[in-house]
Every structure is written in structure tokens, then in C-alpha cells.
């Protein structure tokens, strides 16, 4: 991590981020990342620190990755979900070209227990 003042994760949340997420959010950004981008931190004396510059780079990279995702989804050729009218579904089922829809299993209802079992 390049120069800049080191800030603890709690202090960075208070001083650098407008909505002040929980400090665990910064830990998660460091540990797991977002959209494949990980927050750069340093470990000093058992505590994690971040710089303003590292946080700005992280936010810029996540924003750029999000924008690329939006652009790529907008470039798709169309919706891949097949939608059929009720009449088409009925006809396909009659011709045995489409299975009947599965019904949800209902949980067996048991009568409430009264008294002691014998």
C-alpha cells in the first residue's frame, strides 16, 4: 500500500465514508471483496489499517466493475426466458409435449395432541 495516513477501519468509516456503514463492512471488503475487487489494507500490531487513497481506489474499481456489468447486460440480445400464453401451454399439454405443472407438496397436518399419550 502506498503512502498516506493509516486509519483504523472504525476511524476510516467515520472520517471517509458518507453513510458510515458498520466497520465490519470494511473488513468484509478486505476479506472477501466486492465484484472480485479487494480493499487494500495493512496489518500493524494485529490491527488492520487502510489509507484514504486505498479506499478511493477500491470504490473507483468497484464502481467501474458495476458499470461494466450494466453495459454488458444491456448489450445482451434479449430476454432468454420463454413465455407462453395460457392457450399455448394448454395445447402443448394436450399434445403431451409439455409436462403438467408440479403441485407444491402440502405438509401433512396432524391433529393437535390432547392429554397424555397412552
C-alpha atoms as a PDB file:
ATOM      1  CA  UNK A   1       0.000   0.000   0.000  1.00  0.00           C
ATOM      2  CA  UNK A   2       1.409   3.347  -0.989  1.00  0.00           C
ATOM      3  CA  UNK A   3       1.864   6.347   1.372  1.00  0.00           C
ATOM      4  CA  UNK A   4      -0.946   8.202   3.028  1.00  0.00           C
ATOM      5  CA  UNK A   5      -2.123   8.331   6.603  1.00  0.00           C
ATOM      6  CA  UNK A   6      -3.080   4.968   8.077  1.00  0.00           C
ATOM      7  CA  UNK A   7      -6.582   4.869   9.534  1.00  0.00           C
ATOM      8  CA  UNK A   8      -8.112   2.041  11.552  1.00  0.00           C
ATOM      9  CA  UNK A   9     -11.217   0.554   9.963  1.00  0.00           C
ATOM     10  CA  UNK A  10     -13.542   2.218  12.517  1.00  0.00           C
ATOM     11  CA  UNK A  11     -11.857   5.581  12.049  1.00  0.00           C
ATOM     12  CA  UNK A  12     -11.945   5.218   8.252  1.00  0.00           C
ATOM     13  CA  UNK A  13     -15.691   4.602   8.400  1.00  0.00           C
ATOM     14  CA  UNK A  14     -16.239   7.737  10.497  1.00  0.00           C
ATOM     15  CA  UNK A  15     -13.937  10.029   8.546  1.00  0.00           C
ATOM     16  CA  UNK A  16     -14.068   8.853   4.943  1.00  0.00           C
ATOM     17  CA  UNK A  17     -17.444   7.340   4.133  1.00  0.00           C
ATOM     18  CA  UNK A  18     -20.594   9.449   3.898  1.00  0.00           C
ATOM     19  CA  UNK A  19     -23.200   6.907   5.043  1.00  0.00           C
ATOM     20  CA  UNK A  20     -20.950   5.352   7.692  1.00  0.00           C
ATOM     21  CA  UNK A  21     -21.509   1.618   7.214  1.00  0.00           C
ATOM     22  CA  UNK A  22     -20.618  -0.756  10.003  1.00  0.00           C
ATOM     23  CA  UNK A  23     -16.825  -1.228  10.308  1.00  0.00           C
ATOM     24  CA  UNK A  24     -17.433  -4.926   9.603  1.00  0.00           C
ATOM     25  CA  UNK A  25     -18.296  -3.844   6.054  1.00  0.00           C
ATOM     26  CA  UNK A  26     -14.728  -2.646   5.506  1.00  0.00           C
ATOM     27  CA  UNK A  27     -13.446  -5.913   6.987  1.00  0.00           C
ATOM     28  CA  UNK A  28     -15.648  -7.830   4.525  1.00  0.00           C
ATOM     29  CA  UNK A  29     -14.369  -5.674   1.642  1.00  0.00           C
ATOM     30  CA  UNK A  30     -10.835  -6.617   2.723  1.00  0.00           C
ATOM     31  CA  UNK A  31     -11.537 -10.322   3.322  1.00  0.00           C
ATOM     32  CA  UNK A  32     -13.984 -11.205   0.520  1.00  0.00           C
ATOM     33  CA  UNK A  33     -14.048  -8.200  -1.741  1.00  0.00           C
ATOM     34  CA  UNK A  34     -16.824  -6.945  -3.976  1.00  0.00           C
ATOM     35  CA  UNK A  35     -17.157  -7.956  -7.649  1.00  0.00           C
ATOM     36  CA  UNK A  36     -13.715  -9.540  -7.428  1.00  0.00           C
ATOM     37  CA  UNK A  37     -12.041  -6.402  -6.048  1.00  0.00           C
ATOM     38  CA  UNK A  38     -10.464  -6.495  -2.588  1.00  0.00           C
ATOM     39  CA  UNK A  39      -9.794  -3.496  -0.344  1.00  0.00           C
ATOM     40  CA  UNK A  40      -6.082  -2.997   0.289  1.00  0.00           C
ATOM     41  CA  UNK A  41      -5.236  -2.933   3.984  1.00  0.00           C
ATOM     42  CA  UNK A  42      -2.117  -3.346   6.095  1.00  0.00           C
ATOM     43  CA  UNK A  43      -1.732  -5.263   9.319  1.00  0.00           C
ATOM     44  CA  UNK A  44       0.211  -3.440  12.011  1.00  0.00           C
ATOM     45  CA  UNK A  45       0.392  -4.817  15.524  1.00  0.00           C
ATOM     46  CA  UNK A  46      -2.600  -7.061  15.000  1.00  0.00           C
ATOM     47  CA  UNK A  47      -4.861  -4.256  13.711  1.00  0.00           C
ATOM     48  CA  UNK A  48      -5.996  -3.577  10.139  1.00  0.00           C
ATOM     49  CA  UNK A  49      -5.426  -0.133   8.645  1.00  0.00           C
ATOM     50  CA  UNK A  50      -6.448   1.481   5.391  1.00  0.00           C
ATOM     51  CA  UNK A  51      -5.496   4.737   3.672  1.00  0.00           C
ATOM     52  CA  UNK A  52      -7.811   7.255   2.032  1.00  0.00           C
ATOM     53  CA  UNK A  53      -6.113   6.523  -1.291  1.00  0.00           C
ATOM     54  CA  UNK A  54      -6.664   2.750  -0.983  1.00  0.00           C
ATOM     55  CA  UNK A  55     -10.337   3.287  -0.153  1.00  0.00           C
ATOM     56  CA  UNK A  56     -10.753   5.646  -3.115  1.00  0.00           C
ATOM     57  CA  UNK A  57      -9.075   3.127  -5.472  1.00  0.00           C
ATOM     58  CA  UNK A  58     -11.356   0.379  -4.159  1.00  0.00           C
ATOM     59  CA  UNK A  59     -14.525   2.469  -4.618  1.00  0.00           C
ATOM     60  CA  UNK A  60     -13.461   3.519  -8.131  1.00  0.00           C
ATOM     61  CA  UNK A  61     -12.689  -0.085  -9.131  1.00  0.00           C
ATOM     62  CA  UNK A  62     -15.988  -1.436  -7.752  1.00  0.00           C
ATOM     63  CA  UNK A  63     -17.902   1.350  -9.499  1.00  0.00           C
ATOM     64  CA  UNK A  64     -16.150   0.608 -12.802  1.00  0.00           C
ATOM     65  CA  UNK A  65     -16.856  -3.134 -12.439  1.00  0.00           C
ATOM     66  CA  UNK A  66     -20.515  -2.368 -11.751  1.00  0.00           C
ATOM     67  CA  UNK A  67     -20.727  -0.117 -14.792  1.00  0.00           C
ATOM     68  CA  UNK A  68     -19.186  -2.830 -16.994  1.00  0.00           C
ATOM     69  CA  UNK A  69     -21.750  -5.330 -15.711  1.00  0.00           C
ATOM     70  CA  UNK A  70     -24.606  -2.956 -16.546  1.00  0.00           C
ATOM     71  CA  UNK A  71     -23.190  -2.288 -20.027  1.00  0.00           C
ATOM     72  CA  UNK A  72     -22.713  -5.990 -20.770  1.00  0.00           C
ATOM     73  CA  UNK A  73     -26.243  -6.879 -19.632  1.00  0.00           C
ATOM     74  CA  UNK A  74     -27.665  -4.053 -21.771  1.00  0.00           C
ATOM     75  CA  UNK A  75     -25.775  -5.454 -24.768  1.00  0.00           C
ATOM     76  CA  UNK A  76     -27.477  -8.851 -24.479  1.00  0.00           C
ATOM     77  CA  UNK A  77     -29.571  -9.750 -27.488  1.00  0.00           C
ATOM     78  CA  UNK A  78     -32.735 -10.181 -25.482  1.00  0.00           C
ATOM     79  CA  UNK A  79     -34.530 -11.995 -22.762  1.00  0.00           C
ATOM     80  CA  UNK A  80     -33.818 -15.718 -22.708  1.00  0.00           C
ATOM     81  CA  UNK A  81     -36.924 -16.529 -20.691  1.00  0.00           C
ATOM     82  CA  UNK A  82     -39.544 -18.322 -22.741  1.00  0.00           C
ATOM     83  CA  UNK A  83     -43.016 -17.020 -22.110  1.00  0.00           C
ATOM     84  CA  UNK A  84     -46.030 -18.823 -23.495  1.00  0.00           C
ATOM     85  CA  UNK A  85     -49.643 -17.796 -23.483  1.00  0.00           C
ATOM     86  CA  UNK A  86     -52.096 -19.868 -21.420  1.00  0.00           C
ATOM     87  CA  UNK A  87     -53.644 -21.180 -24.665  1.00  0.00           C
ATOM     88  CA  UNK A  88     -50.247 -22.361 -25.945  1.00  0.00           C
ATOM     89  CA  UNK A  89     -49.490 -24.063 -22.623  1.00  0.00           C
ATOM     90  CA  UNK A  90     -52.888 -25.843 -22.701  1.00  0.00           C
ATOM     91  CA  UNK A  91     -52.331 -27.030 -26.290  1.00  0.00           C
ATOM     92  CA  UNK A  92     -48.802 -28.293 -25.536  1.00  0.00           C
ATOM     93  CA  UNK A  93     -50.083 -30.208 -22.505  1.00  0.00           C
ATOM     94  CA  UNK A  94     -52.919 -31.767 -24.539  1.00  0.00           C
ATOM     95  CA  UNK A  95     -50.421 -32.908 -27.171  1.00  0.00           C
ATOM     96  CA  UNK A  96     -48.221 -34.320 -24.366  1.00  0.00           C
ATOM     97  CA  UNK A  97     -45.362 -32.032 -25.415  1.00  0.00           C
ATOM     98  CA  UNK A  98     -45.228 -30.365 -22.028  1.00  0.00           C
ATOM     99  CA  UNK A  99     -45.492 -31.935 -18.601  1.00  0.00           C
ATOM    100  CA  UNK A 100     -48.220 -30.911 -16.227  1.00  0.00           C
ATOM    101  CA  UNK A 101     -47.050 -28.334 -13.703  1.00  0.00           C
ATOM    102  CA  UNK A 102     -45.898 -29.812 -10.427  1.00  0.00           C
ATOM    103  CA  UNK A 103     -48.037 -29.073  -7.452  1.00  0.00           C
ATOM    104  CA  UNK A 104     -46.496 -27.987  -4.207  1.00  0.00           C
ATOM    105  CA  UNK A 105     -46.481 -30.684  -1.591  1.00  0.00           C
ATOM    106  CA  UNK A 106     -48.597 -29.805   1.338  1.00  0.00           C
ATOM    107  CA  UNK A 107     -47.322 -30.728   4.746  1.00  0.00           C
ATOM    108  CA  UNK A 108     -49.412 -33.356   6.464  1.00  0.00           C
ATOM    109  CA  UNK A 109     -51.476 -31.735   9.119  1.00  0.00           C
ATOM    110  CA  UNK A 110     -51.612 -33.580  12.362  1.00  0.00           C
ATOM    111  CA  UNK A 111     -54.388 -33.178  14.850  1.00  0.00           C
ATOM    112  CA  UNK A 112     -53.258 -31.400  17.982  1.00  0.00           C
ATOM    113  CA  UNK A 113     -52.310 -33.729  20.779  1.00  0.00           C
ATOM    114  CA  UNK A 114     -54.631 -33.690  23.732  1.00  0.00           C
ATOM    115  CA  UNK A 115     -53.763 -35.204  27.086  1.00  0.00           C
ATOM    116  CA  UNK A 116     -51.022 -37.709  27.697  1.00  0.00           C
ATOM    117  CA  UNK A 117     -50.118 -40.422  25.192  1.00  0.00           C
ATOM    118  CA  UNK A 118     -51.125 -43.893  26.418  1.00  0.00           C
END
